[in-house]
Amino acid sequence: MDRPGLKDDQLYEGRDVALTTDLRDVFGEIAQKHLGATNLESILPGYAGGNLEVFWANLHLIR
C-alpha cells in the first residue's frame, strides 16, 4: 500500500496527512467478528466490505 508523505503536495488540503484507512473497513470488521453481523449492507448501505488483512498485519507497528 502506498502511504502519502508529508510534502506539501501530498497533504490533504495542504495541511493534513491524507487518510489511508477507510473507517468502514474497521467498523465492518468489528461488526462481523465481534458483534456477529452477517449483512454489512444493512449496516453500511452501499459498502461491500474491505480487506483489513494488511491493517491487522501491521497493527504492531503503531502500538
C-alpha atoms as a PDB file:
ATOM      1  CA  MET A   1       0.000   0.000   0.000  1.00  0.00           C
ATOM      2  CA  ASP A   2       1.310   3.424  -0.908  1.00  0.00           C
ATOM      3  CA  ARG A   3       1.494   5.795   2.008  1.00  0.00           C
ATOM      4  CA  PRO A   4       1.263   9.527   1.462  1.00  0.00           C
ATOM      5  CA  GLY A   5       4.206  11.585   2.553  1.00  0.00           C
ATOM      6  CA  LEU A   6       4.480  14.880   4.350  1.00  0.00           C
ATOM      7  CA  LYS A   7       5.398  17.059   1.384  1.00  0.00           C
ATOM      8  CA  ASP A   8       3.045  19.980   0.744  1.00  0.00           C
ATOM      9  CA  ASP A   9       1.656  18.442  -2.455  1.00  0.00           C
ATOM     10  CA  GLN A  10       0.840  15.194  -0.610  1.00  0.00           C
ATOM     11  CA  LEU A  11      -1.084  16.761   2.264  1.00  0.00           C
ATOM     12  CA  TYR A  12      -4.866  16.855   2.291  1.00  0.00           C
ATOM     13  CA  GLU A  13      -5.958  20.467   1.809  1.00  0.00           C
ATOM     14  CA  GLY A  14      -2.301  21.413   2.103  1.00  0.00           C
ATOM     15  CA  ARG A  15      -2.161  20.807   5.846  1.00  0.00           C
ATOM     16  CA  ASP A  16      -3.307  17.344   6.964  1.00  0.00           C
ATOM     17  CA  VAL A  17      -1.853  13.890   6.382  1.00  0.00           C
ATOM     18  CA  ALA A  18      -4.058  12.077   3.884  1.00  0.00           C
ATOM     19  CA  LEU A  19      -6.265   9.256   5.147  1.00  0.00           C
ATOM     20  CA  THR A  20      -5.042   5.743   4.447  1.00  0.00           C
ATOM     21  CA  THR A  21      -7.720   3.700   6.244  1.00  0.00           C
ATOM     22  CA  ASP A  22     -11.386   3.583   5.325  1.00  0.00           C
ATOM     23  CA  LEU A  23     -13.057   3.518   8.735  1.00  0.00           C
ATOM     24  CA  ARG A  24     -15.924   1.500   7.249  1.00  0.00           C
ATOM     25  CA  ASP A  25     -13.395  -1.341   6.938  1.00  0.00           C
ATOM     26  CA  VAL A  26     -12.642  -1.142  10.646  1.00  0.00           C
ATOM     27  CA  PHE A  27     -16.278  -0.866  11.727  1.00  0.00           C
ATOM     28  CA  GLY A  28     -17.321  -3.617   9.302  1.00  0.00           C
ATOM     29  CA  GLU A  29     -14.705  -5.949  10.741  1.00  0.00           C
ATOM     30  CA  ILE A  30     -15.837  -5.200  14.303  1.00  0.00           C
ATOM     31  CA  ALA A  31     -19.492  -5.628  13.362  1.00  0.00           C
ATOM     32  CA  GLN A  32     -18.839  -9.007  11.736  1.00  0.00           C
ATOM     33  CA  LYS A  33     -16.269 -10.587  14.030  1.00  0.00           C
ATOM     34  CA  HIS A  34     -17.291  -9.189  17.392  1.00  0.00           C
ATOM     35  CA  LEU A  35     -20.960  -8.281  17.074  1.00  0.00           C
ATOM     36  CA  GLY A  36     -21.970 -11.163  14.792  1.00  0.00           C
ATOM     37  CA  ALA A  37     -23.283  -9.078  11.887  1.00  0.00           C
ATOM     38  CA  THR A  38     -23.863 -11.153   8.779  1.00  0.00           C
ATOM     39  CA  ASN A  39     -25.024  -8.448   6.363  1.00  0.00           C
ATOM     40  CA  LEU A  40     -22.857  -5.339   6.213  1.00  0.00           C
ATOM     41  CA  GLU A  41     -25.108  -3.888   3.514  1.00  0.00           C
ATOM     42  CA  SER A  42     -27.838  -3.391   6.119  1.00  0.00           C
ATOM     43  CA  ILE A  43     -25.437  -1.513   8.425  1.00  0.00           C
ATOM     44  CA  LEU A  44     -23.357   0.341   5.841  1.00  0.00           C
ATOM     45  CA  PRO A  45     -25.537   0.819   2.712  1.00  0.00           C
ATOM     46  CA  GLY A  46     -23.527   0.789  -0.490  1.00  0.00           C
ATOM     47  CA  TYR A  47     -20.460  -0.651   1.203  1.00  0.00           C
ATOM     48  CA  ALA A  48     -19.334  -4.076   0.031  1.00  0.00           C
ATOM     49  CA  GLY A  49     -16.675  -4.611   2.665  1.00  0.00           C
ATOM     50  CA  GLY A  50     -12.951  -4.243   2.614  1.00  0.00           C
ATOM     51  CA  ASN A  51      -9.883  -6.210   3.372  1.00  0.00           C
ATOM     52  CA  LEU A  52      -8.167  -5.498   6.668  1.00  0.00           C
ATOM     53  CA  GLU A  53      -5.506  -8.188   6.493  1.00  0.00           C
ATOM     54  CA  VAL A  54      -2.800  -5.592   5.829  1.00  0.00           C
ATOM     55  CA  PHE A  55      -4.136  -3.363   8.620  1.00  0.00           C
ATOM     56  CA  TRP A  56      -4.126  -6.159  11.199  1.00  0.00           C
ATOM     57  CA  ALA A  57      -0.778  -7.491   9.994  1.00  0.00           C
ATOM     58  CA  ASN A  58       0.821  -4.073  10.550  1.00  0.00           C
ATOM     59  CA  LEU A  59      -1.023  -3.092  13.717  1.00  0.00           C
ATOM     60  CA  HIS A  60       2.040  -3.895  15.816  1.00  0.00           C
ATOM     61  CA  LEU A  61       3.856  -1.051  14.034  1.00  0.00           C
ATOM     62  CA  ILE A  62       1.604   1.601  15.620  1.00  0.00           C
ATOM     63  CA  ARG A  63       1.370   0.227  19.138  1.00  0.00           C
END
